[in-house]
PDB file of N, CA and C in Angstrom:
ATOM      1  N   MET A   1     -26.614 -62.260  -5.594  1.00  0.00           N
ATOM      2  CA  MET A   1     -26.600 -61.040  -5.023  1.00  0.00           C
ATOM      3  C   MET A   1     -27.831 -61.095  -4.068  1.00  0.00           C
ATOM      4  N   THR A   2     -27.545 -60.542  -2.841  1.00  0.00           N
ATOM      5  CA  THR A   2     -28.587 -60.231  -1.997  1.00  0.00           C
ATOM      6  C   THR A   2     -29.398 -58.946  -2.082  1.00  0.00           C
ATOM      7  N   VAL A   3     -30.454 -58.899  -1.380  1.00  0.00           N
ATOM      8  CA  VAL A   3     -31.424 -57.676  -1.599  1.00  0.00           C
ATOM      9  C   VAL A   3     -30.694 -56.417  -1.079  1.00  0.00           C
ATOM     10  N   ASP A   4     -29.980 -56.634   0.079  1.00  0.00           N
ATOM     11  CA  ASP A   4     -29.131 -55.525   0.577  1.00  0.00           C
ATOM     12  C   ASP A   4     -28.041 -55.111  -0.273  1.00  0.00           C
ATOM     13  N   GLU A   5     -27.553 -56.128  -0.808  1.00  0.00           N
ATOM     14  CA  GLU A   5     -26.437 -55.470  -1.923  1.00  0.00           C
ATOM     15  C   GLU A   5     -27.157 -54.618  -2.984  1.00  0.00           C
ATOM     16  N   ILE A   6     -28.239 -55.128  -3.539  1.00  0.00           N
ATOM     17  CA  ILE A   6     -28.831 -54.456  -4.555  1.00  0.00           C
ATOM     18  C   ILE A   6     -29.482 -53.201  -4.138  1.00  0.00           C
ATOM     19  N   LEU A   7     -29.923 -52.903  -2.908  1.00  0.00           N
ATOM     20  CA  LEU A   7     -30.303 -51.612  -2.338  1.00  0.00           C
ATOM     21  C   LEU A   7     -29.142 -50.752  -2.428  1.00  0.00           C
ATOM     22  N   LYS A   8     -27.976 -51.233  -1.843  1.00  0.00           N
ATOM     23  CA  LYS A   8     -26.868 -50.263  -1.692  1.00  0.00           C
ATOM     24  C   LYS A   8     -26.402 -49.840  -3.125  1.00  0.00           C
ATOM     25  N   LEU A   9     -26.281 -50.727  -4.170  1.00  0.00           N
ATOM     26  CA  LEU A   9     -26.084 -50.262  -5.364  1.00  0.00           C
ATOM     27  C   LEU A   9     -27.051 -49.415  -6.047  1.00  0.00           C
ATOM     28  N   GLY A  10     -28.463 -49.416  -5.650  1.00  0.00           N
ATOM     29  CA  GLY A  10     -29.254 -48.516  -6.009  1.00  0.00           C
ATOM     30  C   GLY A  10     -29.150 -47.165  -5.540  1.00  0.00           C
ATOM     31  N   ALA A  11     -28.882 -47.246  -4.171  1.00  0.00           N
ATOM     32  CA  ALA A  11     -28.492 -45.807  -3.457  1.00  0.00           C
ATOM     33  C   ALA A  11     -27.115 -45.108  -4.014  1.00  0.00           C
ATOM     34  N   MET A  12     -26.344 -45.847  -4.513  1.00  0.00           N
ATOM     35  CA  MET A  12     -25.019 -45.419  -5.154  1.00  0.00           C
ATOM     36  C   MET A  12     -25.051 -44.960  -6.751  1.00  0.00           C
ATOM     37  N   GLY A  13     -26.669 -45.108  -7.096  1.00  0.00           N
ATOM     38  CA  GLY A  13     -26.828 -44.282  -8.418  1.00  0.00           C
ATOM     39  C   GLY A  13     -26.703 -45.400  -9.624  1.00  0.00           C
ATOM     40  N   TYR A  14     -26.561 -46.851  -9.077  1.00  0.00           N
ATOM     41  CA  TYR A  14     -26.773 -47.510 -10.094  1.00  0.00           C
ATOM     42  C   TYR A  14     -27.974 -47.790 -10.831  1.00  0.00           C
ATOM     43  N   THR A  15     -28.475 -48.069 -12.094  1.00  0.00           N
ATOM     44  CA  THR A  15     -29.672 -48.207 -12.657  1.00  0.00           C
ATOM     45  C   THR A  15     -29.950 -49.902 -12.615  1.00  0.00           C
ATOM     46  N   LYS A  16     -31.237 -50.149 -13.036  1.00  0.00           N
ATOM     47  CA  LYS A  16     -31.658 -51.704 -12.877  1.00  0.00           C
ATOM     48  C   LYS A  16     -30.564 -52.383 -14.001  1.00  0.00           C
ATOM     49  N   ASP A  17     -30.729 -51.766 -15.204  1.00  0.00           N
ATOM     50  CA  ASP A  17     -29.714 -52.532 -16.101  1.00  0.00           C
ATOM     51  C   ASP A  17     -28.520 -52.637 -15.683  1.00  0.00           C
ATOM     52  N   ASP A  18     -27.775 -51.684 -15.121  1.00  0.00           N
ATOM     53  CA  ASP A  18     -26.350 -51.760 -14.492  1.00  0.00           C
ATOM     54  C   ASP A  18     -26.311 -52.989 -13.452  1.00  0.00           C
ATOM     55  N   ILE A  19     -27.309 -53.161 -12.716  1.00  0.00           N
ATOM     56  CA  ILE A  19     -27.411 -54.173 -11.551  1.00  0.00           C
ATOM     57  C   ILE A  19     -27.655 -55.393 -12.252  1.00  0.00           C
ATOM     58  N   GLU A  20     -28.668 -55.533 -13.206  1.00  0.00           N
ATOM     59  CA  GLU A  20     -28.596 -56.738 -14.004  1.00  0.00           C
ATOM     60  C   GLU A  20     -27.370 -57.342 -14.686  1.00  0.00           C
ATOM     61  N   ALA A  21     -26.558 -56.350 -15.170  1.00  0.00           N
ATOM     62  CA  ALA A  21     -25.511 -56.566 -16.086  1.00  0.00           C
ATOM     63  C   ALA A  21     -24.423 -57.152 -14.926  1.00  0.00           C
ATOM     64  N   MET A  22     -24.367 -56.568 -13.661  1.00  0.00           N
ATOM     65  CA  MET A  22     -23.329 -57.023 -12.844  1.00  0.00           C
ATOM     66  C   MET A  22     -23.762 -58.398 -12.302  1.00  0.00           C
ATOM     67  N   SER A  23     -24.973 -58.908 -12.193  1.00  0.00           N
ATOM     68  CA  SER A  23     -25.374 -60.002 -11.531  1.00  0.00           C
ATOM     69  C   SER A  23     -25.166 -61.134 -12.790  1.00  0.00           C
ATOM     70  N   ALA A  24     -25.338 -60.515 -13.880  1.00  0.00           N
ATOM     71  CA  ALA A  24     -25.210 -61.798 -15.229  1.00  0.00           C
ATOM     72  C   ALA A  24     -23.755 -62.032 -15.206  1.00  0.00           C
ATOM     73  N   GLU A  25     -22.664 -61.151 -14.773  1.00  0.00           N
ATOM     74  CA  GLU A  25     -21.314 -61.366 -14.850  1.00  0.00           C
ATOM     75  C   GLU A  25     -20.953 -62.429 -13.722  1.00  0.00           C
ATOM     76  N   GLN A  26     -21.757 -62.401 -12.535  1.00  0.00           N
ATOM     77  CA  GLN A  26     -21.501 -63.297 -11.515  1.00  0.00           C
ATOM     78  C   GLN A  26     -21.983 -64.441 -11.523  1.00  0.00           C
ATOM     79  N   LYS A  27     -22.230 -65.168 -12.553  1.00  0.00           N
ATOM     80  CA  LYS A  27     -22.717 -66.501 -12.892  1.00  0.00           C
ATOM     81  C   LYS A  27     -21.578 -67.376 -12.302  1.00  0.00           C
ATOM     82  N   PRO A  28     -22.161 -68.277 -11.327  1.00  0.00           N
ATOM     83  CA  PRO A  28     -21.046 -69.229 -10.770  1.00  0.00           C
ATOM     84  C   PRO A  28     -20.529 -70.131 -11.722  1.00  0.00           C
ATOM     85  N   GLU A  29     -19.236 -70.145 -11.644  1.00  0.00           N
ATOM     86  CA  GLU A  29     -18.244 -71.127 -12.438  1.00  0.00           C
ATOM     87  C   GLU A  29     -18.231 -72.541 -11.835  1.00  0.00           C
ATOM     88  N   PRO A  30     -18.287 -73.464 -12.802  1.00  0.00           N
ATOM     89  CA  PRO A  30     -18.097 -74.845 -12.140  1.00  0.00           C
ATOM     90  C   PRO A  30     -16.822 -74.923 -11.360  1.00  0.00           C
ATOM     91  N   GLU A  31     -16.981 -75.625 -10.075  1.00  0.00           N
ATOM     92  CA  GLU A  31     -15.745 -75.442  -9.149  1.00  0.00           C
ATOM     93  C   GLU A  31     -14.872 -76.911  -9.564  1.00  0.00           C
ATOM     94  N   PRO A  32     -13.416 -76.766  -9.751  1.00  0.00           N
ATOM     95  CA  PRO A  32     -12.827 -77.794 -10.018  1.00  0.00           C
ATOM     96  C   PRO A  32     -12.657 -78.680  -8.854  1.00  0.00           C
ATOM     97  N   ALA A  33     -12.162 -79.900  -9.048  1.00  0.00           N
ATOM     98  CA  ALA A  33     -12.184 -81.079  -7.704  1.00  0.00           C
ATOM     99  C   ALA A  33     -11.278 -80.305  -6.574  1.00  0.00           C
ATOM    100  N   LYS A  34     -11.577 -80.414  -5.665  1.00  0.00           N
ATOM    101  CA  LYS A  34     -10.889 -79.621  -4.565  1.00  0.00           C
ATOM    102  C   LYS A  34      -9.831 -80.590  -4.182  1.00  0.00           C
ATOM    103  N   GLU A  35      -8.775 -80.030  -3.880  1.00  0.00           N
ATOM    104  CA  GLU A  35      -7.325 -80.712  -3.255  1.00  0.00           C
ATOM    105  C   GLU A  35      -7.195 -80.536  -1.968  1.00  0.00           C
ATOM    106  N   PRO A  36      -6.588 -81.134  -1.266  1.00  0.00           N
ATOM    107  CA  PRO A  36      -6.415 -80.986   0.399  1.00  0.00           C
ATOM    108  C   PRO A  36      -5.477 -79.622   0.359  1.00  0.00           C
ATOM    109  N   GLU A  37      -6.140 -78.678   1.185  1.00  0.00           N
ATOM    110  CA  GLU A  37      -5.145 -77.357   1.027  1.00  0.00           C
ATOM    111  C   GLU A  37      -4.121 -77.505   2.462  1.00  0.00           C
ATOM    112  N   PRO A  38      -3.224 -76.672   2.033  1.00  0.00           N
ATOM    113  CA  PRO A  38      -2.087 -76.783   3.234  1.00  0.00           C
ATOM    114  C   PRO A  38      -2.654 -75.866   4.187  1.00  0.00           C
ATOM    115  N   ALA A  39      -2.205 -75.963   5.383  1.00  0.00           N
ATOM    116  CA  ALA A  39      -2.394 -75.064   6.671  1.00  0.00           C
ATOM    117  C   ALA A  39      -2.507 -73.590   6.220  1.00  0.00           C
ATOM    118  N   LYS A  40      -3.529 -72.883   6.449  1.00  0.00           N
ATOM    119  CA  LYS A  40      -3.665 -71.502   6.126  1.00  0.00           C
ATOM    120  C   LYS A  40      -3.593 -70.753   7.486  1.00  0.00           C
ATOM    121  N   GLU A  41      -3.097 -69.427   7.125  1.00  0.00           N
ATOM    122  CA  GLU A  41      -3.204 -68.492   8.169  1.00  0.00           C
ATOM    123  C   GLU A  41      -4.471 -68.041   8.575  1.00  0.00           C
ATOM    124  N   PRO A  42      -4.776 -67.590   9.555  1.00  0.00           N
ATOM    125  CA  PRO A  42      -6.120 -67.399   9.999  1.00  0.00           C
ATOM    126  C   PRO A  42      -6.548 -66.109   9.010  1.00  0.00           C
ATOM    127  N   GLU A  43      -7.553 -65.911   8.525  1.00  0.00           N
ATOM    128  CA  GLU A  43      -8.080 -64.866   7.765  1.00  0.00           C
ATOM    129  C   GLU A  43      -8.377 -63.929   8.387  1.00  0.00           C
ATOM    130  N   LYS A  44      -7.950 -62.652   7.837  1.00  0.00           N
ATOM    131  CA  LYS A  44      -8.352 -61.288   8.630  1.00  0.00           C
ATOM    132  C   LYS A  44      -9.496 -60.984   8.055  1.00  0.00           C
ATOM    133  N   GLU A  45     -10.458 -60.311   8.975  1.00  0.00           N
ATOM    134  CA  GLU A  45     -11.722 -60.002   8.800  1.00  0.00           C
ATOM    135  C   GLU A  45     -11.746 -58.701   7.621  1.00  0.00           C
ATOM    136  N   PRO A  46     -12.550 -58.920   6.792  1.00  0.00           N
ATOM    137  CA  PRO A  46     -12.325 -57.647   5.646  1.00  0.00           C
ATOM    138  C   PRO A  46     -12.883 -56.380   6.461  1.00  0.00           C
ATOM    139  N   GLU A  47     -12.305 -55.379   5.979  1.00  0.00           N
ATOM    140  CA  GLU A  47     -12.538 -54.160   6.698  1.00  0.00           C
ATOM    141  C   GLU A  47     -14.131 -53.772   5.972  1.00  0.00           C
ATOM    142  N   PRO A  48     -14.825 -52.813   6.990  1.00  0.00           N
ATOM    143  CA  PRO A  48     -16.335 -52.464   6.544  1.00  0.00           C
ATOM    144  C   PRO A  48     -16.052 -51.662   5.454  1.00  0.00           C
ATOM    145  N   ALA A  49     -16.904 -51.821   4.477  1.00  0.00           N
ATOM    146  CA  ALA A  49     -17.120 -50.778   3.394  1.00  0.00           C
ATOM    147  C   ALA A  49     -17.349 -49.355   3.543  1.00  0.00           C
ATOM    148  N   ALA A  50     -16.827 -48.594   2.920  1.00  0.00           N
ATOM    149  CA  ALA A  50     -17.396 -47.034   3.312  1.00  0.00           C
ATOM    150  C   ALA A  50     -18.635 -46.793   3.243  1.00  0.00           C
ATOM    151  N   ASP A  51     -19.320 -46.392   4.227  1.00  0.00           N
ATOM    152  CA  ASP A  51     -20.740 -45.962   4.295  1.00  0.00           C
ATOM    153  C   ASP A  51     -21.190 -44.556   3.601  1.00  0.00           C
ATOM    154  N   PRO A  52     -21.650 -44.682   2.292  1.00  0.00           N
ATOM    155  CA  PRO A  52     -21.964 -43.596   1.537  1.00  0.00           C
ATOM    156  C   PRO A  52     -22.891 -42.724   2.394  1.00  0.00           C
ATOM    157  N   THR A  53     -23.798 -43.021   3.219  1.00  0.00           N
ATOM    158  CA  THR A  53     -24.490 -42.144   4.084  1.00  0.00           C
ATOM    159  C   THR A  53     -23.849 -41.315   5.042  1.00  0.00           C
ATOM    160  N   LYS A  54     -22.764 -41.712   5.586  1.00  0.00           N
ATOM    161  CA  LYS A  54     -22.049 -40.755   6.362  1.00  0.00           C
ATOM    162  C   LYS A  54     -21.236 -39.768   5.725  1.00  0.00           C
ATOM    163  N   ASP A  55     -20.809 -40.026   4.397  1.00  0.00           N
ATOM    164  CA  ASP A  55     -20.408 -38.735   3.522  1.00  0.00           C
ATOM    165  C   ASP A  55     -21.512 -37.887   3.199  1.00  0.00           C
ATOM    166  N   LEU A  56     -22.621 -38.492   2.829  1.00  0.00           N
ATOM    167  CA  LEU A  56     -23.965 -37.619   2.899  1.00  0.00           C
ATOM    168  C   LEU A  56     -24.303 -36.772   3.789  1.00  0.00           C
ATOM    169  N   LEU A  57     -24.311 -37.344   5.239  1.00  0.00           N
ATOM    170  CA  LEU A  57     -24.572 -36.611   6.207  1.00  0.00           C
ATOM    171  C   LEU A  57     -23.493 -35.550   6.591  1.00  0.00           C
ATOM    172  N   LYS A  58     -22.249 -35.682   6.491  1.00  0.00           N
ATOM    173  CA  LYS A  58     -21.332 -34.664   6.566  1.00  0.00           C
ATOM    174  C   LYS A  58     -21.404 -33.707   5.747  1.00  0.00           C
ATOM    175  N   PHE A  59     -21.832 -33.782   4.393  1.00  0.00           N
ATOM    176  CA  PHE A  59     -21.927 -32.942   3.217  1.00  0.00           C
ATOM    177  C   PHE A  59     -23.265 -32.021   3.786  1.00  0.00           C
ATOM    178  N   MET A  60     -24.394 -32.770   4.040  1.00  0.00           N
ATOM    179  CA  MET A  60     -25.636 -31.999   4.731  1.00  0.00           C
ATOM    180  C   MET A  60     -25.467 -31.250   5.776  1.00  0.00           C
ATOM    181  N   ALA A  61     -24.510 -31.670   6.768  1.00  0.00           N
ATOM    182  CA  ALA A  61     -24.258 -30.942   7.930  1.00  0.00           C
ATOM    183  C   ALA A  61     -23.543 -29.490   7.513  1.00  0.00           C
ATOM    184  N   GLY A  62     -22.556 -29.618   6.544  1.00  0.00           N
ATOM    185  CA  GLY A  62     -21.889 -28.545   6.055  1.00  0.00           C
ATOM    186  C   GLY A  62     -22.883 -27.427   5.437  1.00  0.00           C
ATOM    187  N   GLU A  63     -23.765 -28.007   4.536  1.00  0.00           N
ATOM    188  CA  GLU A  63     -24.596 -27.172   3.864  1.00  0.00           C
ATOM    189  C   GLU A  63     -25.840 -26.367   4.897  1.00  0.00           C
ATOM    190  N   PHE A  64     -25.890 -27.112   5.897  1.00  0.00           N
ATOM    191  CA  PHE A  64     -26.756 -26.575   6.912  1.00  0.00           C
ATOM    192  C   PHE A  64     -26.274 -25.165   7.743  1.00  0.00           C
ATOM    193  N   GLU A  65     -24.870 -25.471   7.914  1.00  0.00           N
ATOM    194  CA  GLU A  65     -23.962 -24.627   8.680  1.00  0.00           C
ATOM    195  C   GLU A  65     -23.836 -23.279   7.810  1.00  0.00           C
ATOM    196  N   LYS A  66     -23.749 -23.451   6.509  1.00  0.00           N
ATOM    197  CA  LYS A  66     -23.958 -22.423   5.461  1.00  0.00           C
ATOM    198  C   LYS A  66     -24.891 -21.715   5.630  1.00  0.00           C
ATOM    199  N   LEU A  67     -26.068 -22.411   5.647  1.00  0.00           N
ATOM    200  CA  LEU A  67     -27.445 -21.808   5.486  1.00  0.00           C
ATOM    201  C   LEU A  67     -27.755 -20.828   6.936  1.00  0.00           C
ATOM    202  N   ASN A  68     -27.262 -21.480   7.856  1.00  0.00           N
ATOM    203  CA  ASN A  68     -27.552 -20.914   9.103  1.00  0.00           C
ATOM    204  C   ASN A  68     -26.585 -19.597   9.125  1.00  0.00           C
ATOM    205  N   LYS A  69     -25.519 -19.584   8.807  1.00  0.00           N
ATOM    206  CA  LYS A  69     -24.552 -18.478   8.704  1.00  0.00           C
ATOM    207  C   LYS A  69     -25.253 -17.367   7.727  1.00  0.00           C
ATOM    208  N   SER A  70     -25.570 -17.837   6.693  1.00  0.00           N
ATOM    209  CA  SER A  70     -26.221 -16.689   5.550  1.00  0.00           C
ATOM    210  C   SER A  70     -27.628 -16.132   6.328  1.00  0.00           C
ATOM    211  N   ILE A  71     -28.261 -17.005   6.978  1.00  0.00           N
ATOM    212  CA  ILE A  71     -29.591 -16.427   7.602  1.00  0.00           C
ATOM    213  C   ILE A  71     -29.349 -15.398   8.730  1.00  0.00           C
ATOM    214  N   GLN A  72     -28.239 -15.744   9.603  1.00  0.00           N
ATOM    215  CA  GLN A  72     -27.547 -14.888  10.595  1.00  0.00           C
ATOM    216  C   GLN A  72     -27.267 -13.587   9.969  1.00  0.00           C
ATOM    217  N   ASP A  73     -26.367 -13.718   9.068  1.00  0.00           N
ATOM    218  CA  ASP A  73     -25.918 -12.362   8.239  1.00  0.00           C
ATOM    219  C   ASP A  73     -26.941 -11.452   7.798  1.00  0.00           C
ATOM    220  N   ALA A  74     -28.150 -12.121   7.240  1.00  0.00           N
ATOM    221  CA  ALA A  74     -29.246 -11.443   6.552  1.00  0.00           C
ATOM    222  C   ALA A  74     -30.056 -10.627   7.980  1.00  0.00           C
ATOM    223  N   ASN A  75     -30.064 -11.509   8.865  1.00  0.00           N
ATOM    224  CA  ASN A  75     -30.812 -10.858   9.988  1.00  0.00           C
ATOM    225  C   ASN A  75     -30.147  -9.630  10.679  1.00  0.00           C
ATOM    226  N   ILE A  76     -28.851  -9.869  10.672  1.00  0.00           N
ATOM    227  CA  ILE A  76     -27.908  -8.764  11.299  1.00  0.00           C
ATOM    228  C   ILE A  76     -28.102  -7.436  10.355  1.00  0.00           C
ATOM    229  N   LEU A  77     -28.178  -7.763   9.017  1.00  0.00           N
ATOM    230  CA  LEU A  77     -28.183  -6.601   7.929  1.00  0.00           C
ATOM    231  C   LEU A  77     -29.638  -5.913   8.017  1.00  0.00           C
ATOM    232  N   GLY A  78     -30.518  -6.978   8.233  1.00  0.00           N
ATOM    233  CA  GLY A  78     -32.061  -6.185   8.445  1.00  0.00           C
ATOM    234  C   GLY A  78     -32.342  -5.895   9.850  1.00  0.00           C
ATOM    235  N   SER A  79     -31.458  -5.790  10.797  1.00  0.00           N
ATOM    236  CA  SER A  79     -31.962  -5.258  12.029  1.00  0.00           C
ATOM    237  C   SER A  79     -31.936  -3.819  11.992  1.00  0.00           C
ATOM    238  N   ASN A  80     -32.555  -3.294  13.250  1.00  0.00           N
ATOM    239  CA  ASN A  80     -32.445  -1.622  13.136  1.00  0.00           C
ATOM    240  C   ASN A  80     -31.334  -1.117  13.687  1.00  0.00           C
ATOM    241  N   ILE A  81     -30.262  -1.760  14.054  1.00  0.00           N
ATOM    242  CA  ILE A  81     -29.008  -1.100  14.495  1.00  0.00           C
ATOM    243  C   ILE A  81     -28.441   0.038  13.658  1.00  0.00           C
ATOM    244  N   GLU A  82     -28.280   1.089  14.434  1.00  0.00           N
ATOM    245  CA  GLU A  82     -27.806   2.189  13.545  1.00  0.00           C
ATOM    246  C   GLU A  82     -26.258   2.235  13.629  1.00  0.00           C
ATOM    247  N   ILE A  83     -25.589   2.376  12.446  1.00  0.00           N
ATOM    248  CA  ILE A  83     -24.286   2.516  12.362  1.00  0.00           C
ATOM    249  C   ILE A  83     -23.929   3.784  12.164  1.00  0.00           C
ATOM    250  N   PRO A  84     -23.198   4.471  13.143  1.00  0.00           N
ATOM    251  CA  PRO A  84     -23.015   5.880  12.714  1.00  0.00           C
ATOM    252  C   PRO A  84     -22.144   6.030  11.636  1.00  0.00           C
ATOM    253  N   LYS A  85     -22.434   6.938  10.823  1.00  0.00           N
ATOM    254  CA  LYS A  85     -21.638   7.249   9.418  1.00  0.00           C
ATOM    255  C   LYS A  85     -20.886   8.253  10.054  1.00  0.00           C
ATOM    256  N   GLU A  86     -19.682   8.178   8.989  1.00  0.00           N
ATOM    257  CA  GLU A  86     -18.462   8.857   9.142  1.00  0.00           C
ATOM    258  C   GLU A  86     -18.848  10.347   8.795  1.00  0.00           C
ATOM    259  N   LYS A  87     -18.582  11.403   9.418  1.00  0.00           N
ATOM    260  CA  LYS A  87     -18.601  12.768   9.066  1.00  0.00           C
ATOM    261  C   LYS A  87     -17.622  13.269   8.199  1.00  0.00           C
ATOM    262  N   THR A  88     -18.185  13.976   7.341  1.00  0.00           N
ATOM    263  CA  THR A  88     -17.185  14.558   6.269  1.00  0.00           C
ATOM    264  C   THR A  88     -17.098  16.109   6.432  1.00  0.00           C
ATOM    265  N   ALA A  89     -16.102  16.683   5.953  1.00  0.00           N
ATOM    266  CA  ALA A  89     -15.626  18.167   6.070  1.00  0.00           C
ATOM    267  C   ALA A  89     -17.108  18.751   5.949  1.00  0.00           C
ATOM    268  N   GLU A  90     -17.908  18.626   4.952  1.00  0.00           N
ATOM    269  CA  GLU A  90     -19.123  19.388   4.617  1.00  0.00           C
ATOM    270  C   GLU A  90     -19.972  19.240   5.610  1.00  0.00           C
ATOM    271  N   ASP A  91     -20.113  18.201   6.277  1.00  0.00           N
ATOM    272  CA  ASP A  91     -20.960  17.874   7.337  1.00  0.00           C
ATOM    273  C   ASP A  91     -20.736  18.780   8.537  1.00  0.00           C
ATOM    274  N   VAL A  92     -19.413  18.822   8.954  1.00  0.00           N
ATOM    275  CA  VAL A  92     -18.896  19.505  10.086  1.00  0.00           C
ATOM    276  C   VAL A  92     -19.148  20.898   9.852  1.00  0.00           C
ATOM    277  N   LEU A  93     -18.993  21.332   8.725  1.00  0.00           N
ATOM    278  CA  LEU A  93     -19.174  22.792   8.347  1.00  0.00           C
ATOM    279  C   LEU A  93     -20.796  23.186   8.124  1.00  0.00           C
ATOM    280  N   ALA A  94     -21.442  22.427   8.052  1.00  0.00           N
ATOM    281  CA  ALA A  94     -23.081  22.547   7.943  1.00  0.00           C
ATOM    282  C   ALA A  94     -23.595  22.667   9.316  1.00  0.00           C
ATOM    283  N   GLU A  95     -22.924  21.821  10.293  1.00  0.00           N
ATOM    284  CA  GLU A  95     -23.310  21.906  11.795  1.00  0.00           C
ATOM    285  C   GLU A  95     -22.862  23.360  12.382  1.00  0.00           C
ATOM    286  N   LEU A  96     -21.630  23.614  11.934  1.00  0.00           N
ATOM    287  CA  LEU A  96     -21.116  24.909  12.382  1.00  0.00           C
ATOM    288  C   LEU A  96     -22.032  26.049  12.067  1.00  0.00           C
ATOM    289  N   ILE A  97     -22.579  26.035  10.722  1.00  0.00           N
ATOM    290  CA  ILE A  97     -23.162  27.224  10.186  1.00  0.00           C
ATOM    291  C   ILE A  97     -24.673  27.245  10.664  1.00  0.00           C
ATOM    292  N   ALA A  98     -25.325  26.035  10.838  1.00  0.00           N
ATOM    293  CA  ALA A  98     -26.766  25.816  11.230  1.00  0.00           C
ATOM    294  C   ALA A  98     -26.847  24.604  11.865  1.00  0.00           C
ATOM    295  N   PRO A  99     -26.443  24.992  13.389  1.00  0.00           N
ATOM    296  CA  PRO A  99     -26.528  23.559  14.297  1.00  0.00           C
ATOM    297  C   PRO A  99     -27.890  22.981  14.321  1.00  0.00           C
ATOM    298  N   PRO A 100     -27.862  21.691  14.361  1.00  0.00           N
ATOM    299  CA  PRO A 100     -29.012  20.900  14.371  1.00  0.00           C
ATOM    300  C   PRO A 100     -30.076  21.303  15.716  1.00  0.00           C
ATOM    301  N   LYS A 101     -31.448  21.245  15.341  1.00  0.00           N
ATOM    302  CA  LYS A 101     -32.020  21.561  16.550  1.00  0.00           C
ATOM    303  C   LYS A 101     -32.608  20.278  17.348  1.00  0.00           C
ATOM    304  N   HIS A 102     -32.445  20.127  18.528  1.00  0.00           N
ATOM    305  CA  HIS A 102     -32.722  18.848  19.188  1.00  0.00           C
ATOM    306  C   HIS A 102     -34.043  19.061  20.105  1.00  0.00           C
ATOM    307  N   LYS A 103     -34.786  17.980  19.990  1.00  0.00           N
ATOM    308  CA  LYS A 103     -35.927  18.122  20.632  1.00  0.00           C
ATOM    309  C   LYS A 103     -36.013  18.103  22.003  1.00  0.00           C
ATOM    310  N   GLY A 104     -36.987  18.798  22.483  1.00  0.00           N
ATOM    311  CA  GLY A 104     -37.416  18.642  24.032  1.00  0.00           C
ATOM    312  C   GLY A 104     -36.213  19.373  24.908  1.00  0.00           C
ATOM    313  N   GLY A 105     -36.001  20.484  24.427  1.00  0.00           N
ATOM    314  CA  GLY A 105     -34.782  20.954  25.222  1.00  0.00           C
ATOM    315  C   GLY A 105     -34.996  22.544  25.164  1.00  0.00           C
ATOM    316  N   LYS A 106     -33.771  23.237  25.190  1.00  0.00           N
ATOM    317  CA  LYS A 106     -33.657  24.580  25.367  1.00  0.00           C
ATOM    318  C   LYS A 106     -33.951  25.387  24.037  1.00  0.00           C
TER     319      LYS A 106
END
């Protein structure tokens, strides 16, 4: 087992004992005497293994997007934008009986 393989297994969450058990299982078996092989088809290159860091990066990007959205929502709620509230019948009646006094005017 190469150092790169051991590091990848460690990154995937395997412990030292798990890796040692795997390497103990991979002891080379003695090879029988080789016979001449018939003509083979060209071997296809193995597909590259899925890179766990890409999945992690996609997950982190999604989490950062959620965080940015929640910060933006909090900033909007905390801003000083006045949202006009809906007038009720009591508010209209109160304005008719005692109109509000406006500053700097008549």
